Amino acid sequence: MKIPTLLLSLLALTAAGCSSGKTYPVQSKQAASADWTLPYEYWSFSFVTPKYLRAEATHVRIIDTDGYRYIFNTLDQTSRGPDSIDKWASAIHGPSINFNKAKKPPQYIVFCWESYIDQETYETSAIFGPETWLRMKTPADHTWYGETVWYNRMVFGLSPGGKVKIWFSDVEGRPSLPVKPIKLRTRSGKDLTLCKDYVVPGGLFNFIQSTQDFIKGKTYPYGNWD
C-alpha cells in the first residue's frame, strides 16, 4: 500500500516541538475522506514486555485523524506480560490506564523506549490507515456481560532487538487482534531523531535478578518475538 506523501512529513513535525493540541496542516486524504469519530469517549494505548525481558516506554507523540497532536511526557507504566515467557501470549493486555488516552484514531505514533536487555534506546514510529480506524469503529461480533465490545485498547509489545508488535486487546481470554500499520519502523543509535533527546544515561535498569536468572544459559534474543 502506498504511503500518503503528507504522512511522510509527520516525523519531522513531531520533532519540531509546539504546543500540545495544536492542529497541523497534515492530514492524509484517507483521514480527511470520512468522519472517524469513535462511538466511545476515547481509545487508549499501553506497552507490554515479555515477563523477564523488561523495557520501558518513556515518551509518546500521536497525530490523530483530525491532525491534532498529543504529547505524553507522563505515561502509564509499561507492564510485563505474565504469560509471555519465550514468545508472545495469544491474549495480550496492558496495565490500567490513567494517562495514555486520545479522542480520535491515530494517523501516526512515535515513541521512545528503553530496553534493559539491550541497554539501548529505541525510537519506534508507525503510520496507520483506514483498516485500523474502521476496526476501532466497528463492534466485535461478541459481547461481554451483555455489553458491546469495542477494540479501543491498542497494545504495543516491546521485545529484544527493538522488535515491536501491535494488537487490539479483546475480552474473556480471547486472542488479541494483530494490528497492521501501513509502515512500522524502529531506529536506534545514531539513527535516533526525536528520541535522541530522551536517552536515559546508563539506561533505566541496572540489575534485575529475575532477568539474569531467566537468560542464564539461553541464547539472545531469549525467545521468538516475531
C-alpha atoms as a PDB file:
ATOM      1  CA  MET A   1       0.000   0.000   0.000  1.00  0.00           C
ATOM      2  CA  LYS A   2       1.453   3.376  -0.983  1.00  0.00           C
ATOM      3  CA  ILE A   3       2.161   5.687   1.950  1.00  0.00           C
ATOM      4  CA  PRO A   4       0.458   9.098   1.542  1.00  0.00           C
ATOM      5  CA  THR A   5       3.063  11.777   0.817  1.00  0.00           C
ATOM      6  CA  LEU A   6       1.773  14.084   3.551  1.00  0.00           C
ATOM      7  CA  LEU A   7       2.239  11.420   6.198  1.00  0.00           C
ATOM      8  CA  LEU A   8       5.916  11.065   5.328  1.00  0.00           C
ATOM      9  CA  SER A   9       6.477  14.504   6.894  1.00  0.00           C
ATOM     10  CA  LEU A  10       4.924  13.547  10.233  1.00  0.00           C
ATOM     11  CA  LEU A  11       8.179  12.524  11.861  1.00  0.00           C
ATOM     12  CA  ALA A  12       9.693  15.941  11.167  1.00  0.00           C
ATOM     13  CA  LEU A  13       6.623  17.615  12.636  1.00  0.00           C
ATOM     14  CA  THR A  14       6.693  15.600  15.829  1.00  0.00           C
ATOM     15  CA  ALA A  15      10.315  16.545  16.337  1.00  0.00           C
ATOM     16  CA  ALA A  16       9.653  20.249  15.751  1.00  0.00           C
ATOM     17  CA  GLY A  17       8.097  20.947  19.143  1.00  0.00           C
ATOM     18  CA  CYS A  18       4.995  23.095  19.629  1.00  0.00           C
ATOM     19  CA  SER A  19       2.022  23.208  21.979  1.00  0.00           C
ATOM     20  CA  SER A  20       0.004  20.049  22.550  1.00  0.00           C
ATOM     21  CA  GLY A  21      -3.412  20.132  20.906  1.00  0.00           C
ATOM     22  CA  LYS A  22      -2.458  22.396  18.005  1.00  0.00           C
ATOM     23  CA  THR A  23      -3.902  21.397  14.645  1.00  0.00           C
ATOM     24  CA  TYR A  24      -1.362  20.631  11.961  1.00  0.00           C
ATOM     25  CA  PRO A  25      -1.997  21.134   8.251  1.00  0.00           C
ATOM     26  CA  VAL A  26      -1.150  17.441   7.968  1.00  0.00           C
ATOM     27  CA  GLN A  27      -3.985  15.079   7.277  1.00  0.00           C
ATOM     28  CA  SER A  28      -3.900  12.263   4.768  1.00  0.00           C
ATOM     29  CA  LYS A  29      -6.587  12.102   2.095  1.00  0.00           C
ATOM     30  CA  GLN A  30      -7.749   8.882   3.728  1.00  0.00           C
ATOM     31  CA  ALA A  31      -8.154  10.587   7.097  1.00  0.00           C
ATOM     32  CA  ALA A  32      -9.967  13.542   5.523  1.00  0.00           C
ATOM     33  CA  SER A  33     -12.270  11.354   3.453  1.00  0.00           C
ATOM     34  CA  ALA A  34     -14.568  10.333   6.321  1.00  0.00           C
ATOM     35  CA  ASP A  35     -15.667  11.135   9.838  1.00  0.00           C
ATOM     36  CA  TRP A  36     -13.546   8.931  12.102  1.00  0.00           C
ATOM     37  CA  THR A  37     -15.281   9.965  15.311  1.00  0.00           C
ATOM     38  CA  LEU A  38     -15.307   6.955  17.615  1.00  0.00           C
ATOM     39  CA  PRO A  39     -18.504   5.574  19.195  1.00  0.00           C
ATOM     40  CA  TYR A  40     -16.898   5.862  22.644  1.00  0.00           C
ATOM     41  CA  GLU A  41     -15.199   8.673  24.540  1.00  0.00           C
ATOM     42  CA  TYR A  42     -11.567   7.759  23.916  1.00  0.00           C
ATOM     43  CA  TRP A  43      -9.228   4.948  22.911  1.00  0.00           C
ATOM     44  CA  SER A  44      -6.185   4.013  24.919  1.00  0.00           C
ATOM     45  CA  PHE A  45      -2.753   2.550  24.308  1.00  0.00           C
ATOM     46  CA  SER A  46      -0.328   0.668  26.503  1.00  0.00           C
ATOM     47  CA  PHE A  47       3.040  -1.052  26.393  1.00  0.00           C
ATOM     48  CA  VAL A  48       3.900  -4.583  27.444  1.00  0.00           C
ATOM     49  CA  THR A  49       7.095  -6.630  27.531  1.00  0.00           C
ATOM     50  CA  PRO A  50       7.924 -10.315  27.889  1.00  0.00           C
ATOM     51  CA  LYS A  51       7.777 -11.319  31.551  1.00  0.00           C
ATOM     52  CA  TYR A  52      11.528 -11.419  32.148  1.00  0.00           C
ATOM     53  CA  LEU A  53      12.782  -9.074  29.435  1.00  0.00           C
ATOM     54  CA  ARG A  54      11.823  -5.660  30.668  1.00  0.00           C
ATOM     55  CA  ALA A  55      11.652  -2.408  28.770  1.00  0.00           C
ATOM     56  CA  GLU A  56      10.040   0.948  29.482  1.00  0.00           C
ATOM     57  CA  ALA A  57       8.310   3.448  27.192  1.00  0.00           C
ATOM     58  CA  THR A  58       9.376   6.972  28.121  1.00  0.00           C
ATOM     59  CA  HIS A  59       7.797   9.392  25.635  1.00  0.00           C
ATOM     60  CA  VAL A  60       4.956   9.264  23.080  1.00  0.00           C
ATOM     61  CA  ARG A  61       3.594  11.589  20.401  1.00  0.00           C
ATOM     62  CA  ILE A  62       0.472  10.904  18.381  1.00  0.00           C
ATOM     63  CA  ILE A  63      -1.178  12.686  15.466  1.00  0.00           C
ATOM     64  CA  ASP A  64      -4.829  11.703  15.167  1.00  0.00           C
ATOM     65  CA  THR A  65      -7.126  11.547  12.146  1.00  0.00           C
ATOM     66  CA  ASP A  66      -8.112  15.199  12.624  1.00  0.00           C
ATOM     67  CA  GLY A  67      -4.466  16.290  12.566  1.00  0.00           C
ATOM     68  CA  TYR A  68      -4.228  17.005  16.295  1.00  0.00           C
ATOM     69  CA  ARG A  69      -1.004  16.219  18.107  1.00  0.00           C
ATOM     70  CA  TYR A  70      -0.854  14.643  21.549  1.00  0.00           C
ATOM     71  CA  ILE A  71       2.344  14.704  23.618  1.00  0.00           C
ATOM     72  CA  PHE A  72       2.771  12.274  26.514  1.00  0.00           C
ATOM     73  CA  ASN A  73       5.631  13.056  28.856  1.00  0.00           C
ATOM     74  CA  THR A  74       3.865  11.144  31.627  1.00  0.00           C
ATOM     75  CA  LEU A  75       2.872   7.602  30.697  1.00  0.00           C
ATOM     76  CA  ASP A  76       1.250   4.665  32.384  1.00  0.00           C
ATOM     77  CA  GLN A  77       3.908   2.184  33.404  1.00  0.00           C
ATOM     78  CA  THR A  78       4.995  -0.428  30.898  1.00  0.00           C
ATOM     79  CA  SER A  79       3.751  -3.801  32.123  1.00  0.00           C
ATOM     80  CA  ARG A  80       5.199  -7.309  31.928  1.00  0.00           C
ATOM     81  CA  GLY A  81       3.127  -9.981  30.216  1.00  0.00           C
ATOM     82  CA  PRO A  82       2.795 -12.791  32.775  1.00  0.00           C
ATOM     83  CA  ASP A  83       2.162 -15.409  30.060  1.00  0.00           C
ATOM     84  CA  SER A  84       4.739 -14.119  27.559  1.00  0.00           C
ATOM     85  CA  ILE A  85       7.803 -16.163  28.527  1.00  0.00           C
ATOM     86  CA  ASP A  86       9.645 -17.187  25.350  1.00  0.00           C
ATOM     87  CA  LYS A  87       7.028 -15.957  22.876  1.00  0.00           C
ATOM     88  CA  TRP A  88       4.069 -13.592  22.945  1.00  0.00           C
ATOM     89  CA  ALA A  89       0.919 -14.995  24.542  1.00  0.00           C
ATOM     90  CA  SER A  90      -2.223 -15.138  22.409  1.00  0.00           C
ATOM     91  CA  ALA A  91      -4.110 -12.732  24.687  1.00  0.00           C
ATOM     92  CA  ILE A  92      -2.197  -9.505  25.367  1.00  0.00           C
ATOM     93  CA  HIS A  93      -3.350  -6.924  27.907  1.00  0.00           C
ATOM     94  CA  GLY A  94      -1.595  -3.857  29.237  1.00  0.00           C
ATOM     95  CA  PRO A  95      -1.926  -2.142  32.617  1.00  0.00           C
ATOM     96  CA  SER A  96      -4.763   0.034  33.894  1.00  0.00           C
ATOM     97  CA  ILE A  97      -4.855   3.333  32.022  1.00  0.00           C
ATOM     98  CA  ASN A  98      -4.734   6.804  33.549  1.00  0.00           C
ATOM     99  CA  PHE A  99      -2.778   8.872  31.034  1.00  0.00           C
ATOM    100  CA  ASN A 100      -2.495   7.022  27.720  1.00  0.00           C
ATOM    101  CA  LYS A 101      -5.678   8.207  26.014  1.00  0.00           C
ATOM    102  CA  ALA A 102      -6.724  10.003  22.824  1.00  0.00           C
ATOM    103  CA  LYS A 103     -10.038  11.046  21.250  1.00  0.00           C
ATOM    104  CA  LYS A 104      -9.639  10.159  17.574  1.00  0.00           C
ATOM    105  CA  PRO A 105      -7.849   7.192  15.956  1.00  0.00           C
ATOM    106  CA  PRO A 106      -4.123   7.570  15.278  1.00  0.00           C
ATOM    107  CA  GLN A 107      -2.712   8.542  11.911  1.00  0.00           C
ATOM    108  CA  TYR A 108       0.770   8.357  13.337  1.00  0.00           C
ATOM    109  CA  ILE A 109       2.562   7.458  16.556  1.00  0.00           C
ATOM    110  CA  VAL A 110       6.192   7.751  17.576  1.00  0.00           C
ATOM    111  CA  PHE A 111       7.506   6.588  20.938  1.00  0.00           C
ATOM    112  CA  CYS A 112      10.802   6.270  22.761  1.00  0.00           C
ATOM    113  CA  TRP A 113      11.637   3.230  24.836  1.00  0.00           C
ATOM    114  CA  GLU A 114      14.499   1.768  26.822  1.00  0.00           C
ATOM    115  CA  SER A 115      15.366  -1.921  26.589  1.00  0.00           C
ATOM    116  CA  TYR A 116      17.046  -3.409  29.652  1.00  0.00           C
ATOM    117  CA  ILE A 117      18.345  -6.489  27.891  1.00  0.00           C
ATOM    118  CA  ASP A 118      19.847  -4.447  25.030  1.00  0.00           C
ATOM    119  CA  GLN A 119      20.874  -1.426  27.133  1.00  0.00           C
ATOM    120  CA  GLU A 120      19.579   0.557  24.174  1.00  0.00           C
ATOM    121  CA  THR A 121      17.217   3.435  23.458  1.00  0.00           C
ATOM    122  CA  TYR A 122      14.799   2.725  20.625  1.00  0.00           C
ATOM    123  CA  GLU A 123      12.532   5.009  18.616  1.00  0.00           C
ATOM    124  CA  THR A 124       9.544   3.313  17.011  1.00  0.00           C
ATOM    125  CA  SER A 125       7.145   5.010  14.612  1.00  0.00           C
ATOM    126  CA  ALA A 126       4.013   3.688  12.937  1.00  0.00           C
ATOM    127  CA  ILE A 127       1.610   5.039  10.319  1.00  0.00           C
ATOM    128  CA  PHE A 128      -1.973   3.751  10.443  1.00  0.00           C
ATOM    129  CA  GLY A 129      -4.724   3.757   7.838  1.00  0.00           C
ATOM    130  CA  PRO A 130      -8.433   3.113   7.331  1.00  0.00           C
ATOM    131  CA  GLU A 131      -8.203  -0.613   8.097  1.00  0.00           C
ATOM    132  CA  THR A 132      -7.163   0.215  11.667  1.00  0.00           C
ATOM    133  CA  TRP A 133      -9.602   3.101  12.080  1.00  0.00           C
ATOM    134  CA  LEU A 134     -12.543   1.054  10.823  1.00  0.00           C
ATOM    135  CA  ARG A 135     -11.712  -1.755  13.238  1.00  0.00           C
ATOM    136  CA  MET A 136     -11.791   0.807  16.077  1.00  0.00           C
ATOM    137  CA  LYS A 137     -15.247   1.980  14.990  1.00  0.00           C
ATOM    138  CA  THR A 138     -16.748  -1.470  14.472  1.00  0.00           C
ATOM    139  CA  PRO A 139     -18.065  -3.538  17.409  1.00  0.00           C
ATOM    140  CA  ALA A 140     -16.857  -7.080  17.960  1.00  0.00           C
ATOM    141  CA  ASP A 141     -19.091  -9.965  16.971  1.00  0.00           C
ATOM    142  CA  HIS A 142     -19.406 -10.908  20.650  1.00  0.00           C
ATOM    143  CA  THR A 143     -20.464  -9.112  23.822  1.00  0.00           C
ATOM    144  CA  TRP A 144     -19.128  -9.080  27.381  1.00  0.00           C
ATOM    145  CA  TYR A 145     -21.719  -9.483  30.137  1.00  0.00           C
ATOM    146  CA  GLY A 146     -24.256  -8.167  27.649  1.00  0.00           C
ATOM    147  CA  GLU A 147     -22.195  -5.068  26.807  1.00  0.00           C
ATOM    148  CA  THR A 148     -20.837  -4.141  23.369  1.00  0.00           C
ATOM    149  CA  VAL A 149     -17.153  -4.896  22.928  1.00  0.00           C
ATOM    150  CA  TRP A 150     -15.054  -2.286  21.116  1.00  0.00           C
ATOM    151  CA  TYR A 151     -11.459  -2.586  20.024  1.00  0.00           C
ATOM    152  CA  ASN A 152     -10.428   0.533  21.885  1.00  0.00           C
ATOM    153  CA  ARG A 153      -7.182  -0.639  23.543  1.00  0.00           C
ATOM    154  CA  MET A 154      -4.061  -0.745  21.392  1.00  0.00           C
ATOM    155  CA  VAL A 155      -1.148  -2.628  22.941  1.00  0.00           C
ATOM    156  CA  PHE A 156       2.467  -2.356  21.812  1.00  0.00           C
ATOM    157  CA  GLY A 157       4.718  -5.315  22.591  1.00  0.00           C
ATOM    158  CA  LEU A 158       8.372  -4.366  23.179  1.00  0.00           C
ATOM    159  CA  SER A 159      10.962  -7.129  22.872  1.00  0.00           C
ATOM    160  CA  PRO A 160      14.738  -7.597  22.416  1.00  0.00           C
ATOM    161  CA  GLY A 161      16.352  -6.254  19.269  1.00  0.00           C
ATOM    162  CA  GLY A 162      13.900  -3.366  19.064  1.00  0.00           C
ATOM    163  CA  LYS A 163      11.123  -5.620  17.779  1.00  0.00           C
ATOM    164  CA  VAL A 164       7.616  -4.224  18.195  1.00  0.00           C
ATOM    165  CA  LYS A 165       4.269  -5.939  17.682  1.00  0.00           C
ATOM    166  CA  ILE A 166       0.849  -4.294  17.946  1.00  0.00           C
ATOM    167  CA  TRP A 167      -2.534  -5.710  18.933  1.00  0.00           C
ATOM    168  CA  PHE A 168      -6.046  -4.738  19.923  1.00  0.00           C
ATOM    169  CA  SER A 169      -6.945  -6.374  23.227  1.00  0.00           C
ATOM    170  CA  ASP A 170     -10.090  -8.484  23.433  1.00  0.00           C
ATOM    171  CA  VAL A 171     -12.049  -9.823  26.430  1.00  0.00           C
ATOM    172  CA  GLU A 172     -12.552 -13.118  28.291  1.00  0.00           C
ATOM    173  CA  GLY A 173      -9.160 -14.511  27.267  1.00  0.00           C
ATOM    174  CA  ARG A 174      -9.907 -14.232  23.563  1.00  0.00           C
ATOM    175  CA  PRO A 175      -6.821 -13.857  21.331  1.00  0.00           C
ATOM    176  CA  SER A 176      -5.778 -10.279  20.725  1.00  0.00           C
ATOM    177  CA  LEU A 177      -6.223  -8.904  17.202  1.00  0.00           C
ATOM    178  CA  PRO A 178      -2.965  -8.096  15.354  1.00  0.00           C
ATOM    179  CA  VAL A 179      -2.769  -4.505  14.111  1.00  0.00           C
ATOM    180  CA  LYS A 180      -1.056  -3.976  10.762  1.00  0.00           C
ATOM    181  CA  PRO A 181       0.230  -0.421  10.281  1.00  0.00           C
ATOM    182  CA  ILE A 182       0.924   0.924   6.829  1.00  0.00           C
ATOM    183  CA  LYS A 183       4.505   1.373   7.983  1.00  0.00           C
ATOM    184  CA  LEU A 184       6.367   0.362  11.151  1.00  0.00           C
ATOM    185  CA  ARG A 185       9.975   1.381  11.791  1.00  0.00           C
ATOM    186  CA  THR A 186      12.345   1.201  14.750  1.00  0.00           C
ATOM    187  CA  ARG A 187      15.558   3.234  14.981  1.00  0.00           C
ATOM    188  CA  SER A 188      18.435   3.233  17.445  1.00  0.00           C
ATOM    189  CA  GLY A 189      21.892   4.678  17.999  1.00  0.00           C
ATOM    190  CA  LYS A 190      22.960   7.350  15.536  1.00  0.00           C
ATOM    191  CA  ASP A 191      19.681   6.962  13.632  1.00  0.00           C
ATOM    192  CA  LEU A 192      17.589   8.353  16.501  1.00  0.00           C
ATOM    193  CA  THR A 193      15.749  11.576  15.666  1.00  0.00           C
ATOM    194  CA  LEU A 194      13.122  12.627  18.224  1.00  0.00           C
ATOM    195  CA  CYS A 195      14.340  10.141  20.841  1.00  0.00           C
ATOM    196  CA  LYS A 196      17.944  11.346  20.920  1.00  0.00           C
ATOM    197  CA  ASP A 197      16.634  13.924  23.420  1.00  0.00           C
ATOM    198  CA  TYR A 198      15.082  11.197  25.598  1.00  0.00           C
ATOM    199  CA  VAL A 199      18.036   8.866  26.054  1.00  0.00           C
ATOM    200  CA  VAL A 200      18.406   7.812  29.697  1.00  0.00           C
ATOM    201  CA  PRO A 201      22.141   7.881  30.564  1.00  0.00           C
ATOM    202  CA  GLY A 202      23.198   4.408  31.607  1.00  0.00           C
ATOM    203  CA  GLY A 203      19.756   3.012  30.827  1.00  0.00           C
ATOM    204  CA  LEU A 204      16.754   2.675  33.119  1.00  0.00           C
ATOM    205  CA  PHE A 205      17.633  -0.737  34.546  1.00  0.00           C
ATOM    206  CA  ASN A 206      20.881  -1.628  36.279  1.00  0.00           C
ATOM    207  CA  PHE A 207      20.373  -5.158  37.575  1.00  0.00           C
ATOM    208  CA  ILE A 208      17.279  -7.338  37.676  1.00  0.00           C
ATOM    209  CA  GLN A 209      17.857 -10.731  39.267  1.00  0.00           C
ATOM    210  CA  SER A 210      14.820 -12.385  37.658  1.00  0.00           C
ATOM    211  CA  THR A 211      16.103 -11.398  34.217  1.00  0.00           C
ATOM    212  CA  GLN A 212      19.617 -12.636  34.964  1.00  0.00           C
ATOM    213  CA  ASP A 213      18.193 -15.951  36.136  1.00  0.00           C
ATOM    214  CA  PHE A 214      15.996 -16.280  33.040  1.00  0.00           C
ATOM    215  CA  ILE A 215      18.689 -15.573  30.429  1.00  0.00           C
ATOM    216  CA  LYS A 216      21.348 -17.789  32.035  1.00  0.00           C
ATOM    217  CA  GLY A 217      22.324 -20.481  29.538  1.00  0.00           C
ATOM    218  CA  LYS A 218      19.935 -19.121  26.897  1.00  0.00           C
ATOM    219  CA  THR A 219      20.671 -17.520  23.538  1.00  0.00           C
ATOM    220  CA  TYR A 220      19.761 -13.938  22.645  1.00  0.00           C
ATOM    221  CA  PRO A 221      17.005 -12.793  21.972  1.00  0.00           C
ATOM    222  CA  TYR A 222      15.819 -15.379  24.525  1.00  0.00           C
ATOM    223  CA  GLY A 223      12.707 -16.392  22.636  1.00  0.00           C
ATOM    224  CA  ASN A 224      10.804 -15.949  19.395  1.00  0.00           C
ATOM    225  CA  TRP A 225       9.282 -12.458  19.261  1.00  0.00           C
ATOM    226  CA  ASP A 226       8.250 -12.327  15.584  1.00  0.00           C
END
